[in-house]
Structure formats: structure tokens, C-alpha cells
Amino acid sequence: MNNKEVVETNSVEPLTPYSKPRVQLKGAIDSEAAASKKSNSPTASTNVEEIDRNRSYFQERIVLYLNDLERAEVLRRVEAQKKREHETDFEGRYYKLRKHAVHFIYNSDVHGIRYLGEKRTTCEKIFWGWVVCLSLITCAILIVWVIIQFGLSSPIILSYNSNDIDNAVLYNVFPSVTICPENKFVYNAFTPEEIQNMLVNQTVPPGKSLTLAQYIVLLCAEEKKDWNFGSTILHDDFFELIDQIYQPLDEIFLTCDIFGTRHKCSELFFPTLTDVGICYTFNMRTREDFFTSEVYNHRNFYKSKPTMGWTEDDKPLRLDTYPNRALLFGNHNGLRVVLKANKLQETFKCKSVYTGFKVIIHRPIDIPHPSKYYFLVPRNKFVTVVVDLHKIATHERVLKMPPSYRKCYRPYEKPLKYFTQYTNKNCYLECRTEMMLKRCNCTEFYMPRKKNTPICGADNIVCAKRSRDELRILESQASYQKKETTYCDCLPRCTSYLYLNSFTEGTWNWKDYYENQWYETFFNETGGFNTTTDELSLLTIYFKKPFFISVIRNEWGGIPELISNIGGFSSFFTGMSMVSGVELIYFFTIRLLCNKIKYGMWLKY
């Protein structure tokens, strides 16, 4: 074989980075060495040895270089093979995942999303991508808003209660009626000139009681003015003196008819202590059933018949009850009162420019406040009041909610300090009383109080006004800041009644009526009146219809309504339903797990 040829090895060992070299090179140096052997000279022998050494060196270097190249090439090929295998595996998984997602898109009910999986232009896919994203975002925002409103606001609404079997006036109490004369006291107590002098010069008339003078100032004085009568506190003997000067009942009431039957007015009306002085009230609960045992009551005030025939929920137990039931409706089945006033005994008009009587219609368990709400019965007039009763009840489901959620109290949930019956008006009066005690160390004369609690005198008028203003500000701030409870926390009662009144007023020519053939009989029955000095007024109050409107507090939202709102938003904006949501979860969780269990792989495509 020619020395210049490359001799290949018979090894078939595969190429690896650490395999032995598979070739050996005999180059031009071998051919020169063979030619030199033909010469027998010493110089030639030396050259041959040197050539052999060089040949061995270069041969070794070339072999090492070729081996290095071969190993580098093998390494490059191995790395390239691994990279191709990795890319192939990644592309396969991505392809399978993409195909799985496309399969879901084609089978989903979400509007517009299927166009993202079709082979369409990029512009179309961008358009539908924006549409789907905006719909999903809007739907999510509205759903979150509904959930927040459900959690923060009270889901209570008022709706007509068609299932109320007690919506007839027969089963309900007749309203209480409080009548307050504008003449606050008898004529001989103080003359108009003496009252005017007290209010202007702050001096007590000679021979008059300082305590009674302060009572007049409390009723008639301006609240913005500082008063100096030398006394800021009154005591329990204050009520003993009031008994001597307020107008007796027989000087105010002429006749009283209830449900078409005439009664003595003293049997129907009793004196009550209000914020405008002494008034007379019909059909109100007695003080033993109204105030707690700690409250001090003067012997004459709030003393009516004992309560009988009513349950704690204001349901009648029998026909004869007190407070009286409203048995029938109409003009002849109500309260009819003839009031009188003597022109010669007209006294100073405190804080008013008219004459007549203030009238308040209220619940038998409420303290009347004539200074806040009333209607006027003028002299020589008739006033007819038609009452329309509205009942507000609460559903049993709502009663199980906390009071801050249903916005009302059951009678036993908020016990009061001075009253046995909870109403929001009694609660607010008690709150005002506590504020007065806190700011002025006394109470106003008409407020409920314990025995020996100081009564604010004339010199405390400004302090009383400031305490009322402070309480009004605290209540307004709580409402403005939308707090769950106000300062007094006087929510309505869960079962309450509203009296909606409509009025008719006209001139009453009572002289012609009473001076006819029935005058003598009427005069003997009533004790008489003077047609010259007396002026009469007629007040008639009755129910408008046999049935009233019953309203009930019920759940507005609840879980079913919340679910329906969420479903409505998701269906309107995306076309999804509850099953669509379950399908989304199934496709990317349960289905993948089942593929792994059944086929040994997550994605089978």
C-alpha cells in the first residue's frame, strides 16, 4: 500500500466525545524517510533518525488536533439534538394546550369568544378580543357592586300585606286625641298686663307666687333671652301650684259623644302635662301602664282608666276594651266634641296670634308633643277630621335579622328608662331628658323624671335651648354621615300605626243651631252656656273606611334575588350561565385530571 494513503481502521465504534481516534496519518515525512534508507552514508543515517523523530512528533500533534475537532463536532451535534427534542416537545405541548382551549371555545356559550379561535384576520381577532374583554370587565364590576350593596345596605322594602286578616278598624284601637286650649290658665291667676310686665321687665307682680310666675315665663318667654328671676331650679311643689291655675275641664268641654253615645266629658278626657302646658287627652293608656315605677307623677296627670282587653301586640281580646276599639267607621261612629271658650276670660296668648284649640291625634302609647305637630280648631268653626289608618308590620324572616339591618325595634329589644312601651317618640323624649340632665342638671317641667329630680326654672331657658340644639346637631351629623345608628338610636317600632288625616273646616253657626226648639233640653243636659260671652267650636273625628292599608317590611334582596341579579348581568353581558361557569372549571381541572388517570397524559390530542 502506498505510504501517502490514509489507512482507515476497521473499528465501527460509534462516535462519542471520548472515543479513540479512528484514523492514523502517514504523510510526506514517511516517504522521505523511506527514500533516505536507500543511502548508506552516516549523514543519511542521522537525517533518518531526525526525520523519524519529527515524524512522530507531528503525527502525534495532528492526531490530537483531529481528535479535538472530532470531539467538538460530536458535542455540537448532541446539543443540537437535545435542543431539537426540547423544541419538539414544547411545541407539542403548546399545540395540545392550544387545541384544548380551542375545543373549549367552540363548545362554550360565551358570546364572541369563538371568533378568537377561528382562522380569521388579525384585525377581526383584535376587535372581538376588545369586545369580549369589555363585556367581562363590565359584568365583573356590576356583580361586585351588587354584592357590596347587598352586604352594606339594608335589603328591606315596604310592600302591601295582602295576608293581613286584622286589617279592619274593628280589630284596632281608636286614636288618642289631645286637646290644648290657647288659654293656659284661669283668668284670675294673672292679667294680660301682669304677664306682659313679667316678660318685658322680668318682675313678679305684687302678691303673686314666684313659682307660678316662672311657669308663665316657661310657657311664654323667648328662648333666646337670658332671664334673671333668681331661681334656676324648681321642685315637686311646682305641680301643686299648677293645679291651682290651669283651666278646669268643664270650662273647655261642652259635650262629648263617642260612637254615637253621649258621655260626660270628665269620663273621657283627663289632664296631661305637655310642652305647651296642661292639655286634656282622650283614649290614652293610664300612667301605671305607661311609665315605669321610677317615674314621679303628680296625682292628677295621666290618670285615666286602667288598660284592659288588649294583648302586648295591641290585639283586642274582647269587644269592651280600654283604650277604646274603633268598632265602626263613618261620621256617627267616632268622636264628637263641642269646645267652648269665654271671651271675657281670654288671657295672654303665649307664642301665638290666634285663638282656639290645638289638637293632636296620636297613638295611645305615645306622649303628645303639641309644640311640634298639631292642627288648629278655631273658635266659631267646625273641623271634621277623617282618619285613614296605615299599619306597618314586619315579616318573621326580617324579625330574625339584627335591628340595624331591619331598621326597627321590637318592644323588648330596647327597654326605656322612663317608659314601659317602646316607641320612637318616647325614645326621643327620653333622649332629650338625658341630654338636659347632662347639660343643665335639671329637666323641663313636662319631661318624665324621678322623684326629687330638679326642674329647670326660668333662668335655665337658654341652657335648655342649647341642649335641644346640640341634640339636633348630633342627630343630623349621624344622618349626614350615614351611620348605622344615630345619637339617640330611636328606630321605629317593628309593628307601628300611622294616622293619615284629612281635614274639612267651615264656619259653624252654632247660635242658630242651639237657640231653636232643642235649646232648653240641651241647656239642661250640658249645664248651659252664654250665647253672648261664649264661643263654640265643633270637632269631629272618625275613620274613613272599614278597612285600612296594611304594609309589611320584607326582604328586598335575599339570596335568591342576589343570585338572579348576578345571573342577569352575566347573561346580558357574556351569555354565561351557572352551567357555563361549571363547564369552564370542568374543562381545565376535572377533564385534565381524568385524562391523566385514563390515558396517562394530561392532554390527549
Foldseek 3Di string as FASTA:
>chain_A
DDQQDWDFDPDPDDQELPDADGTFGRHPLVVVLVVLVVDDDPVSVVVSVVSVVVRVVVRVVVRVVVSNVSSVVRVVVVVVVVVVVVVVVVVVVVVLVLVLVLVLQVVFQWPLSNVCSDPDDPVSNVVSVVQSVVLVVVLVVVLVVLVVCVVPAFQKDKDFDPPDPQQFLQFAFAWKKKKAFLQFWWQVLDAQVQLVCCQPVVDHPPPHDLLVNQVSCQQFHDLVDFHPNPDFWDAPCSVVVSVVIGDDPLQWFQWKDAQQHTDDVVQAWFWAQESNHIIIMGQAAALPQWWDPQWDDDPGHRHHDHFDQADPLRTGNDQDTGSHGQNFFDQNHGMKTKTKDFQVGDHDRGPDDAGFMWMDIHHNNADDHSVPDTDGFHWQKEKEKAKFKEKEAADPVLVVDDCLNLQADAQPPDDDDITNGAFLRLLVLSVLQVLCCVQPVAGDPNGIDGHGRIHTTNSCSNSSVVSVVVQVVQQVVCVVVVPSAGPSRRTGHNIDMDIDIDMDMDRHPVCVVLVPPCVVVSCVVRVHDDPVGMTMYMYTYTYDHRGHTYMYIDRNDPPVNSLVVSQVSCCVSTNDHPVSVVSVCCSPPVQQVVCCVPVVGRRDD
